[in-house]
Amino acid sequence: MANPLRRAAYRLSQTARVAWYGGHHILANRLGRRTAFAERRPEVESDYPNRQKFLGEMQALFERDWKNVEQGLYAAPALTGDAIKALRRSLTFLSDVPEVARRRRDHVHDEVLTAEARANFPRYYLQNFHYQSGGWLTKDSAKLYDFQVEALFAGTADAMRRQALVPIAEFMKGKDQRRLNLLDVATGTARFLTFVKDNWPRLNTTALDLSPAYLAEARKALKPWRDVTFLEANAEAMPLADASQDIVTAVYLFHELPPKVRAVVAAEIARVVRPGGLFVLVDSIQPGDTPGFEALTEFFPQAFHEPYYESYQTWNITDTFEAAGFRKRSETSAFLSKIVAFKR
């Protein structure tokens, strides 16, 4: 039964998130615009969505998010947070904006490319993605990442991630979570896994990432829960047994992989998922997913260092994973993201 007070609290909390992170998005653009685009501004062929269209799609995301909560598919997000921590992250985020703008202006994206790093990581990984400080390799980058993502998406990132819980909830019906295994590939700071564990705390969970700095943040985020394993490993060769996972997830991974590597990782995911198991992909929308948003996907790789994003835009996700042995179950667009679920 719907609870008007809980719904009102949810709306208020999400409005506050959009105001907070959207405000940082606007402020960061203003602080960095003169430096970042001193030479050339991004050019797009499509028309940008108007304000009504943009806010309408955002509202639709939050309405879907709350409807999923009311239907019992997953728990409502927490309504409280650490205000002091948020303020500190805000100041750190804003102080880093000039550095990001400098890299954008000078097209500098290889500050993390060192001889030592090349000996330990694949070449495509050693870049300042988004022109961010430290790439994926430093503690400072890992601590700032979640705030940067929410600022980029104006406070909607968590709601978009939560849409991946829908196919997981459907898969979990009638099953004993204690007997199932879930792997999150390229978990980063494990933000998505905190939502998984909020809903299925006894689910055996593995957080895999190539960055030791980000995996350290993941350990902190998942400290409240048991039954969690952490693996520092490359998604191209995961140290897991064949058919050992019931569910595998990958959130915002594939648009940052070179085309050839996408197929390798897809095959590796197929290897570790048991027959009948589930794979859920969350990533950027592609042309046609959210009609009228094409200009945004044209703008993104020009404004941020995303060397593989243009190829991602034409990548056929379904063909790749069906060739690896999956069958598509569902595909849903959620504002600036898409969620695709496959059965092994």
Protein backbone atom coordinates (compact mmCIF):
# COMPACT_ATOMS: atom_id res chain seq x y z
CA MET A 1 0.00 0.00 0.00
CA ALA A 2 1.35 3.43 -0.94
CA ASN A 3 2.57 5.62 1.90
CA PRO A 4 2.16 9.35 1.09
CA LEU A 5 4.63 10.40 3.77
CA ARG A 6 7.37 8.08 2.53
CA ARG A 7 6.73 9.20 -1.03
CA ALA A 8 6.94 12.85 0.00
CA ALA A 9 10.18 12.16 1.88
CA TYR A 10 11.62 10.42 -1.18
CA ARG A 11 10.70 13.32 -3.47
CA LEU A 12 12.16 15.84 -1.06
CA SER A 13 15.42 13.90 -0.74
CA GLN A 14 15.85 13.48 -4.49
CA THR A 15 15.03 17.14 -5.10
CA ALA A 16 17.72 18.04 -2.58
CA ARG A 17 20.22 15.73 -4.33
CA VAL A 18 19.52 17.31 -7.72
CA ALA A 19 19.86 20.80 -6.26
CA TRP A 20 23.13 19.92 -4.49
CA TYR A 21 24.88 18.02 -7.26
CA GLY A 22 23.26 19.94 -10.10
CA GLY A 23 24.49 23.13 -8.47
CA HIS A 24 28.02 21.71 -8.41
CA HIS A 25 27.67 20.74 -12.06
CA ILE A 26 26.73 24.30 -13.01
CA LEU A 27 29.38 25.88 -10.79
CA ALA A 28 32.12 23.57 -12.10
CA ASN A 29 31.19 24.43 -15.68
CA ARG A 30 31.37 28.14 -14.92
CA LEU A 31 34.66 27.84 -13.06
CA GLY A 32 36.32 25.80 -15.77
CA ARG A 33 34.66 26.94 -18.98
CA ARG A 34 37.00 29.83 -19.80
CA THR A 35 40.08 27.66 -19.32
CA ALA A 36 38.73 24.42 -20.77
CA PHE A 37 37.25 25.78 -24.00
CA ALA A 38 39.68 28.62 -24.67
CA GLU A 39 40.51 27.22 -28.11
CA ARG A 40 37.41 25.38 -29.33
CA ARG A 41 33.97 24.56 -28.03
CA PRO A 42 32.45 21.14 -28.73
CA GLU A 43 30.33 21.01 -31.88
CA VAL A 44 27.35 18.70 -32.30
CA GLU A 45 25.10 17.93 -35.25
CA SER A 46 21.92 17.22 -33.30
CA ASP A 47 19.79 19.69 -31.36
CA TYR A 48 20.19 19.77 -27.61
CA PRO A 49 17.06 18.75 -25.67
CA ASN A 50 15.14 21.69 -24.31
CA ARG A 51 14.72 22.21 -20.59
CA GLN A 52 11.26 20.62 -20.53
CA LYS A 53 12.46 17.48 -22.27
CA PHE A 54 15.53 17.14 -20.07
CA LEU A 55 13.70 17.66 -16.79
CA GLY A 56 10.84 15.45 -17.96
CA GLU A 57 13.16 12.49 -18.50
CA MET A 58 14.79 13.14 -15.15
CA GLN A 59 11.39 13.18 -13.45
CA ALA A 60 10.44 9.94 -15.20
CA LEU A 61 13.55 8.32 -13.74
CA PHE A 62 12.63 9.29 -10.20
CA GLU A 63 9.00 8.22 -10.69
CA ARG A 64 10.19 4.81 -11.87
CA ASP A 65 12.63 4.57 -8.98
CA TRP A 66 9.89 5.22 -6.43
CA LYS A 67 7.45 2.88 -8.18
CA ASN A 68 10.04 0.09 -7.89
CA VAL A 69 10.30 0.82 -4.17
CA GLU A 70 6.53 0.73 -3.74
CA GLN A 71 6.36 -2.57 -5.59
CA GLY A 72 8.88 -4.04 -3.19
CA LEU A 73 11.58 -4.63 -5.80
CA TYR A 74 14.17 -2.88 -3.65
CA ALA A 75 14.45 -0.73 -0.55
CA ALA A 76 14.06 3.03 -0.57
CA PRO A 77 17.37 4.92 -0.58
CA ALA A 78 18.62 6.29 2.72
CA LEU A 79 17.29 9.77 3.44
CA THR A 80 20.17 10.95 5.61
CA GLY A 81 23.87 11.50 5.02
CA ASP A 82 27.02 12.90 6.59
CA ALA A 83 26.78 16.65 6.02
CA ILE A 84 30.36 17.34 7.11
CA LYS A 85 31.70 14.67 4.78
CA ALA A 86 29.61 16.01 1.90
CA LEU A 87 30.92 19.54 2.50
CA ARG A 88 34.52 18.31 2.52
CA ARG A 89 33.98 16.41 -0.72
CA SER A 90 32.39 19.52 -2.20
CA LEU A 91 35.42 21.66 -1.41
CA THR A 92 37.79 19.01 -2.74
CA PHE A 93 35.73 18.65 -5.91
CA LEU A 94 35.66 22.40 -6.57
CA SER A 95 39.36 22.82 -5.82
CA ASP A 96 40.13 20.16 -8.45
CA VAL A 97 38.06 21.85 -11.19
CA PRO A 98 40.92 24.08 -12.45
CA GLU A 99 43.15 21.05 -12.92
CA VAL A 100 40.47 19.23 -14.91
CA ALA A 101 39.94 22.38 -17.01
CA ARG A 102 43.67 22.65 -17.66
CA ARG A 103 43.87 19.09 -18.96
CA ARG A 104 40.82 19.67 -21.11
CA ARG A 105 42.29 22.86 -22.58
CA ASP A 106 45.71 21.32 -23.25
CA HIS A 107 44.34 17.87 -24.26
CA VAL A 108 46.44 16.25 -21.55
CA HIS A 109 45.23 12.78 -20.67
CA ASP A 110 48.37 10.74 -20.05
CA GLU A 111 49.64 12.05 -16.72
CA VAL A 112 49.27 8.58 -15.18
CA LEU A 113 51.25 6.91 -17.97
CA THR A 114 54.47 5.96 -16.21
CA ALA A 115 56.93 3.12 -16.72
CA GLU A 116 55.90 1.58 -13.40
CA ALA A 117 52.21 1.77 -14.26
CA ARG A 118 52.78 0.23 -17.70
CA ALA A 119 54.38 -2.76 -16.04
CA ASN A 120 51.27 -3.39 -13.95
CA PHE A 121 48.27 -2.26 -15.99
CA PRO A 122 47.06 -2.49 -19.62
CA ARG A 123 47.91 0.54 -21.74
CA TYR A 124 44.29 1.53 -22.39
CA TYR A 125 43.73 1.81 -18.63
CA LEU A 126 46.48 4.38 -18.10
CA GLN A 127 44.65 7.55 -19.00
CA ASN A 128 43.08 10.51 -17.24
CA PHE A 129 39.53 9.50 -18.16
CA HIS A 130 37.20 12.52 -17.88
CA TYR A 131 40.47 14.48 -17.55
CA GLN A 132 40.25 13.59 -13.87
CA SER A 133 43.23 13.91 -11.54
CA GLY A 134 44.98 10.61 -10.95
CA GLY A 135 43.04 8.59 -13.50
CA TRP A 136 41.95 5.37 -11.82
CA LEU A 137 45.16 5.00 -9.87
CA THR A 138 45.26 7.33 -6.87
CA LYS A 139 43.60 7.45 -3.46
CA ASP A 140 42.50 11.05 -4.05
CA SER A 141 40.78 10.06 -7.29
CA ALA A 142 38.99 7.16 -5.62
CA LYS A 143 37.76 9.34 -2.76
CA LEU A 144 36.42 11.98 -5.15
CA TYR A 145 34.94 9.69 -7.81
CA ASP A 146 31.39 9.25 -6.47
CA PHE A 147 30.98 13.00 -6.00
CA GLN A 148 32.29 13.63 -9.53
CA VAL A 149 29.84 11.16 -11.05
CA GLU A 150 26.87 12.61 -9.20
CA ALA A 151 27.90 16.13 -10.23
CA LEU A 152 28.23 14.98 -13.84
CA PHE A 153 24.72 13.47 -13.76
CA ALA A 154 23.21 16.25 -11.61
CA GLY A 155 22.34 13.94 -8.73
CA THR A 156 20.71 11.15 -10.75
CA ALA A 157 23.52 8.56 -10.84
CA ASP A 158 22.30 6.51 -7.87
CA ALA A 159 18.75 6.36 -9.22
CA MET A 160 20.05 5.16 -12.58
CA ARG A 161 22.22 2.51 -10.93
CA ARG A 162 19.29 1.26 -8.88
CA GLN A 163 17.41 0.29 -12.04
CA ALA A 164 19.79 -2.65 -12.32
CA LEU A 165 18.25 -4.02 -9.12
CA VAL A 166 14.99 -4.72 -10.98
CA PRO A 167 16.21 -7.73 -13.03
CA ILE A 168 18.19 -8.90 -10.01
CA ALA A 169 15.05 -8.81 -7.85
CA GLU A 170 13.16 -10.81 -10.47
CA PHE A 171 15.98 -13.37 -10.60
CA MET A 172 16.12 -13.65 -6.79
CA LYS A 173 12.44 -14.52 -6.35
CA GLY A 174 12.04 -17.82 -4.52
CA LYS A 175 15.81 -18.29 -4.12
CA ASP A 176 17.92 -18.51 -0.97
CA GLN A 177 20.36 -15.59 -1.19
CA ARG A 178 22.83 -17.41 1.04
CA ARG A 179 23.35 -20.00 -1.68
CA LEU A 180 23.92 -17.54 -4.53
CA ASN A 181 27.00 -15.67 -5.75
CA LEU A 182 27.10 -12.20 -7.29
CA LEU A 183 30.13 -10.66 -8.98
CA ASP A 184 30.43 -6.93 -9.73
CA VAL A 185 33.01 -6.41 -12.50
CA ALA A 186 34.99 -3.15 -12.32
CA THR A 187 33.27 -2.32 -9.06
CA GLY A 188 35.15 0.95 -8.54
CA THR A 189 34.17 2.32 -5.14
CA ALA A 190 31.42 -0.35 -4.87
CA ARG A 191 28.64 2.22 -4.84
CA PHE A 192 26.33 -0.13 -6.73
CA LEU A 193 27.17 -3.05 -4.44
CA THR A 194 26.03 -1.06 -1.41
CA PHE A 195 22.55 -1.07 -2.98
CA VAL A 196 22.81 -4.81 -3.61
CA LYS A 197 23.81 -5.53 -0.02
CA ASP A 198 21.12 -3.19 1.34
CA ASN A 199 18.60 -5.50 -0.27
CA TRP A 200 20.28 -8.92 -0.06
CA PRO A 201 22.72 -8.70 2.87
CA ARG A 202 23.45 -12.45 2.92
CA LEU A 203 24.19 -12.71 -0.80
CA ASN A 204 27.74 -13.93 -1.39
CA THR A 205 29.31 -10.98 -3.17
CA THR A 206 32.57 -10.42 -5.01
CA ALA A 207 33.90 -6.94 -5.80
CA LEU A 208 36.46 -7.03 -8.60
CA ASP A 209 38.51 -4.07 -9.77
CA LEU A 210 41.91 -3.43 -11.32
CA SER A 211 42.69 -0.35 -9.22
CA PRO A 212 44.05 -0.97 -5.71
CA ALA A 213 43.06 2.59 -4.71
CA TYR A 214 39.45 2.15 -5.77
CA LEU A 215 39.28 -1.31 -4.24
CA ALA A 216 40.41 0.20 -0.94
CA GLU A 217 37.42 2.57 -1.09
CA ALA A 218 35.19 -0.39 -1.94
CA ARG A 219 36.37 -2.15 1.22
CA LYS A 220 35.35 0.88 3.28
CA ALA A 221 31.94 1.13 1.60
CA LEU A 222 31.16 -2.56 2.14
CA LYS A 223 32.57 -2.83 5.66
CA PRO A 224 29.07 -3.09 7.26
CA TRP A 225 28.40 -6.41 5.50
CA ARG A 226 29.76 -9.92 5.65
CA ASP A 227 30.05 -12.40 2.78
CA VAL A 228 32.11 -10.04 0.59
CA THR A 229 35.26 -10.99 -1.32
CA PHE A 230 37.58 -8.43 -2.93
CA LEU A 231 39.62 -9.23 -6.02
CA GLU A 232 42.25 -6.96 -7.55
CA ALA A 233 42.18 -8.26 -11.10
CA ASN A 234 41.69 -7.48 -14.79
CA ALA A 235 38.22 -8.20 -16.18
CA GLU A 236 39.91 -9.74 -19.22
CA ALA A 237 41.20 -12.63 -17.10
CA MET A 238 39.24 -12.99 -13.88
CA PRO A 239 40.63 -15.39 -11.26
CA LEU A 240 37.30 -17.17 -10.85
CA ALA A 241 36.18 -20.68 -11.69
CA ASP A 242 33.98 -21.45 -14.68
CA ALA A 243 30.23 -21.21 -13.96
CA SER A 244 30.92 -19.99 -10.42
CA GLN A 245 28.60 -16.96 -10.42
CA ASP A 246 24.82 -16.80 -10.40
CA ILE A 247 24.71 -13.06 -11.14
CA VAL A 248 27.30 -10.76 -12.72
CA THR A 249 26.94 -6.98 -13.01
CA ALA A 250 29.00 -4.35 -14.84
CA VAL A 251 28.18 -0.69 -14.20
CA TYR A 252 29.63 2.01 -16.50
CA LEU A 253 32.47 -0.26 -17.62
CA PHE A 254 32.03 -1.01 -21.30
CA HIS A 255 32.10 2.53 -22.71
CA GLU A 256 35.63 2.83 -21.31
CA LEU A 257 36.96 -0.29 -23.00
CA PRO A 258 38.50 -0.49 -26.49
CA PRO A 259 36.27 -2.34 -28.99
CA LYS A 260 38.39 -5.52 -29.07
CA VAL A 261 38.57 -5.67 -25.29
CA ARG A 262 34.77 -5.47 -24.96
CA ALA A 263 34.42 -8.82 -26.70
CA VAL A 264 37.13 -10.36 -24.49
CA VAL A 265 35.44 -9.16 -21.31
CA ALA A 266 32.03 -10.32 -22.55
CA ALA A 267 33.43 -13.80 -23.16
CA GLU A 268 35.05 -13.82 -19.74
CA ILE A 269 31.77 -12.84 -18.08
CA ALA A 270 30.04 -15.64 -19.97
CA ARG A 271 32.68 -18.06 -18.73
CA VAL A 272 32.07 -17.35 -15.05
CA VAL A 273 28.24 -17.21 -15.17
CA ARG A 274 26.55 -20.53 -14.62
CA PRO A 275 23.91 -21.76 -17.10
CA GLY A 276 20.63 -20.08 -16.22
CA GLY A 277 22.49 -17.24 -14.51
CA LEU A 278 22.02 -13.50 -14.98
CA PHE A 279 24.21 -10.73 -16.37
CA VAL A 280 23.16 -7.08 -15.98
CA LEU A 281 24.88 -4.25 -17.84
CA VAL A 282 24.43 -0.59 -16.92
CA ASP A 283 26.03 1.96 -19.19
CA SER A 284 25.49 5.11 -21.21
CA ILE A 285 22.54 5.45 -23.54
CA GLN A 286 23.21 4.99 -27.24
CA PRO A 287 21.54 6.79 -30.19
CA GLY A 288 17.78 6.21 -30.14
CA ASP A 289 17.59 5.01 -26.53
CA THR A 290 16.31 8.35 -25.26
CA PRO A 291 15.11 10.21 -28.37
CA GLY A 292 16.19 13.84 -28.36
CA PHE A 293 19.31 13.23 -26.26
CA GLU A 294 21.65 12.51 -29.19
CA ALA A 295 23.40 15.87 -28.85
CA LEU A 296 24.41 14.97 -25.30
CA THR A 297 26.13 11.77 -26.42
CA GLU A 298 27.87 13.75 -29.19
CA PHE A 299 29.02 16.37 -26.68
CA PHE A 300 30.31 13.97 -24.04
CA PRO A 301 33.47 12.59 -25.71
CA GLN A 302 34.44 16.07 -26.86
CA ALA A 303 34.09 17.71 -23.47
CA PHE A 304 35.65 14.82 -21.52
CA HIS A 305 38.48 12.48 -22.34
CA GLU A 306 36.55 9.36 -23.33
CA PRO A 307 38.63 7.76 -26.10
CA TYR A 308 36.37 4.73 -26.62
CA TYR A 309 32.98 6.38 -26.21
CA GLU A 310 32.37 7.06 -29.90
CA SER A 311 32.91 3.40 -30.75
CA TYR A 312 30.64 2.47 -27.85
CA GLN A 313 27.88 4.53 -29.45
CA THR A 314 27.80 2.15 -32.44
CA TRP A 315 28.58 -1.02 -30.49
CA ASN A 316 25.90 -3.69 -30.71
CA ILE A 317 25.60 -4.87 -27.11
CA THR A 318 23.09 -7.61 -27.85
CA ASP A 319 25.11 -9.16 -30.67
CA THR A 320 28.28 -9.22 -28.57
CA PHE A 321 26.73 -10.93 -25.59
CA GLU A 322 24.60 -13.33 -27.59
CA ALA A 323 27.75 -14.38 -29.45
CA ALA A 324 29.30 -15.05 -26.04
CA GLY A 325 26.42 -17.34 -25.08
CA PHE A 326 23.79 -15.08 -23.52
CA ARG A 327 20.17 -14.39 -24.45
CA LYS A 328 18.75 -10.91 -23.88
CA ARG A 329 15.89 -10.74 -21.38
CA SER A 330 15.22 -7.01 -21.18
CA GLU A 331 16.49 -3.56 -22.13
CA THR A 332 15.41 -0.33 -20.45
CA SER A 333 16.49 3.28 -20.79
CA ALA A 334 16.71 5.34 -17.61
CA PHE A 335 17.46 9.01 -18.27
CA LEU A 336 21.14 9.00 -19.40
CA SER A 337 21.74 5.29 -18.82
CA LYS A 338 20.51 1.98 -20.19
CA ILE A 339 20.08 -1.32 -18.39
CA VAL A 340 20.36 -4.56 -20.36
CA ALA A 341 19.75 -7.95 -18.72
CA PHE A 342 20.88 -11.27 -20.20
CA LYS A 343 20.34 -14.90 -19.27
CA ARG A 344 23.18 -17.40 -19.70
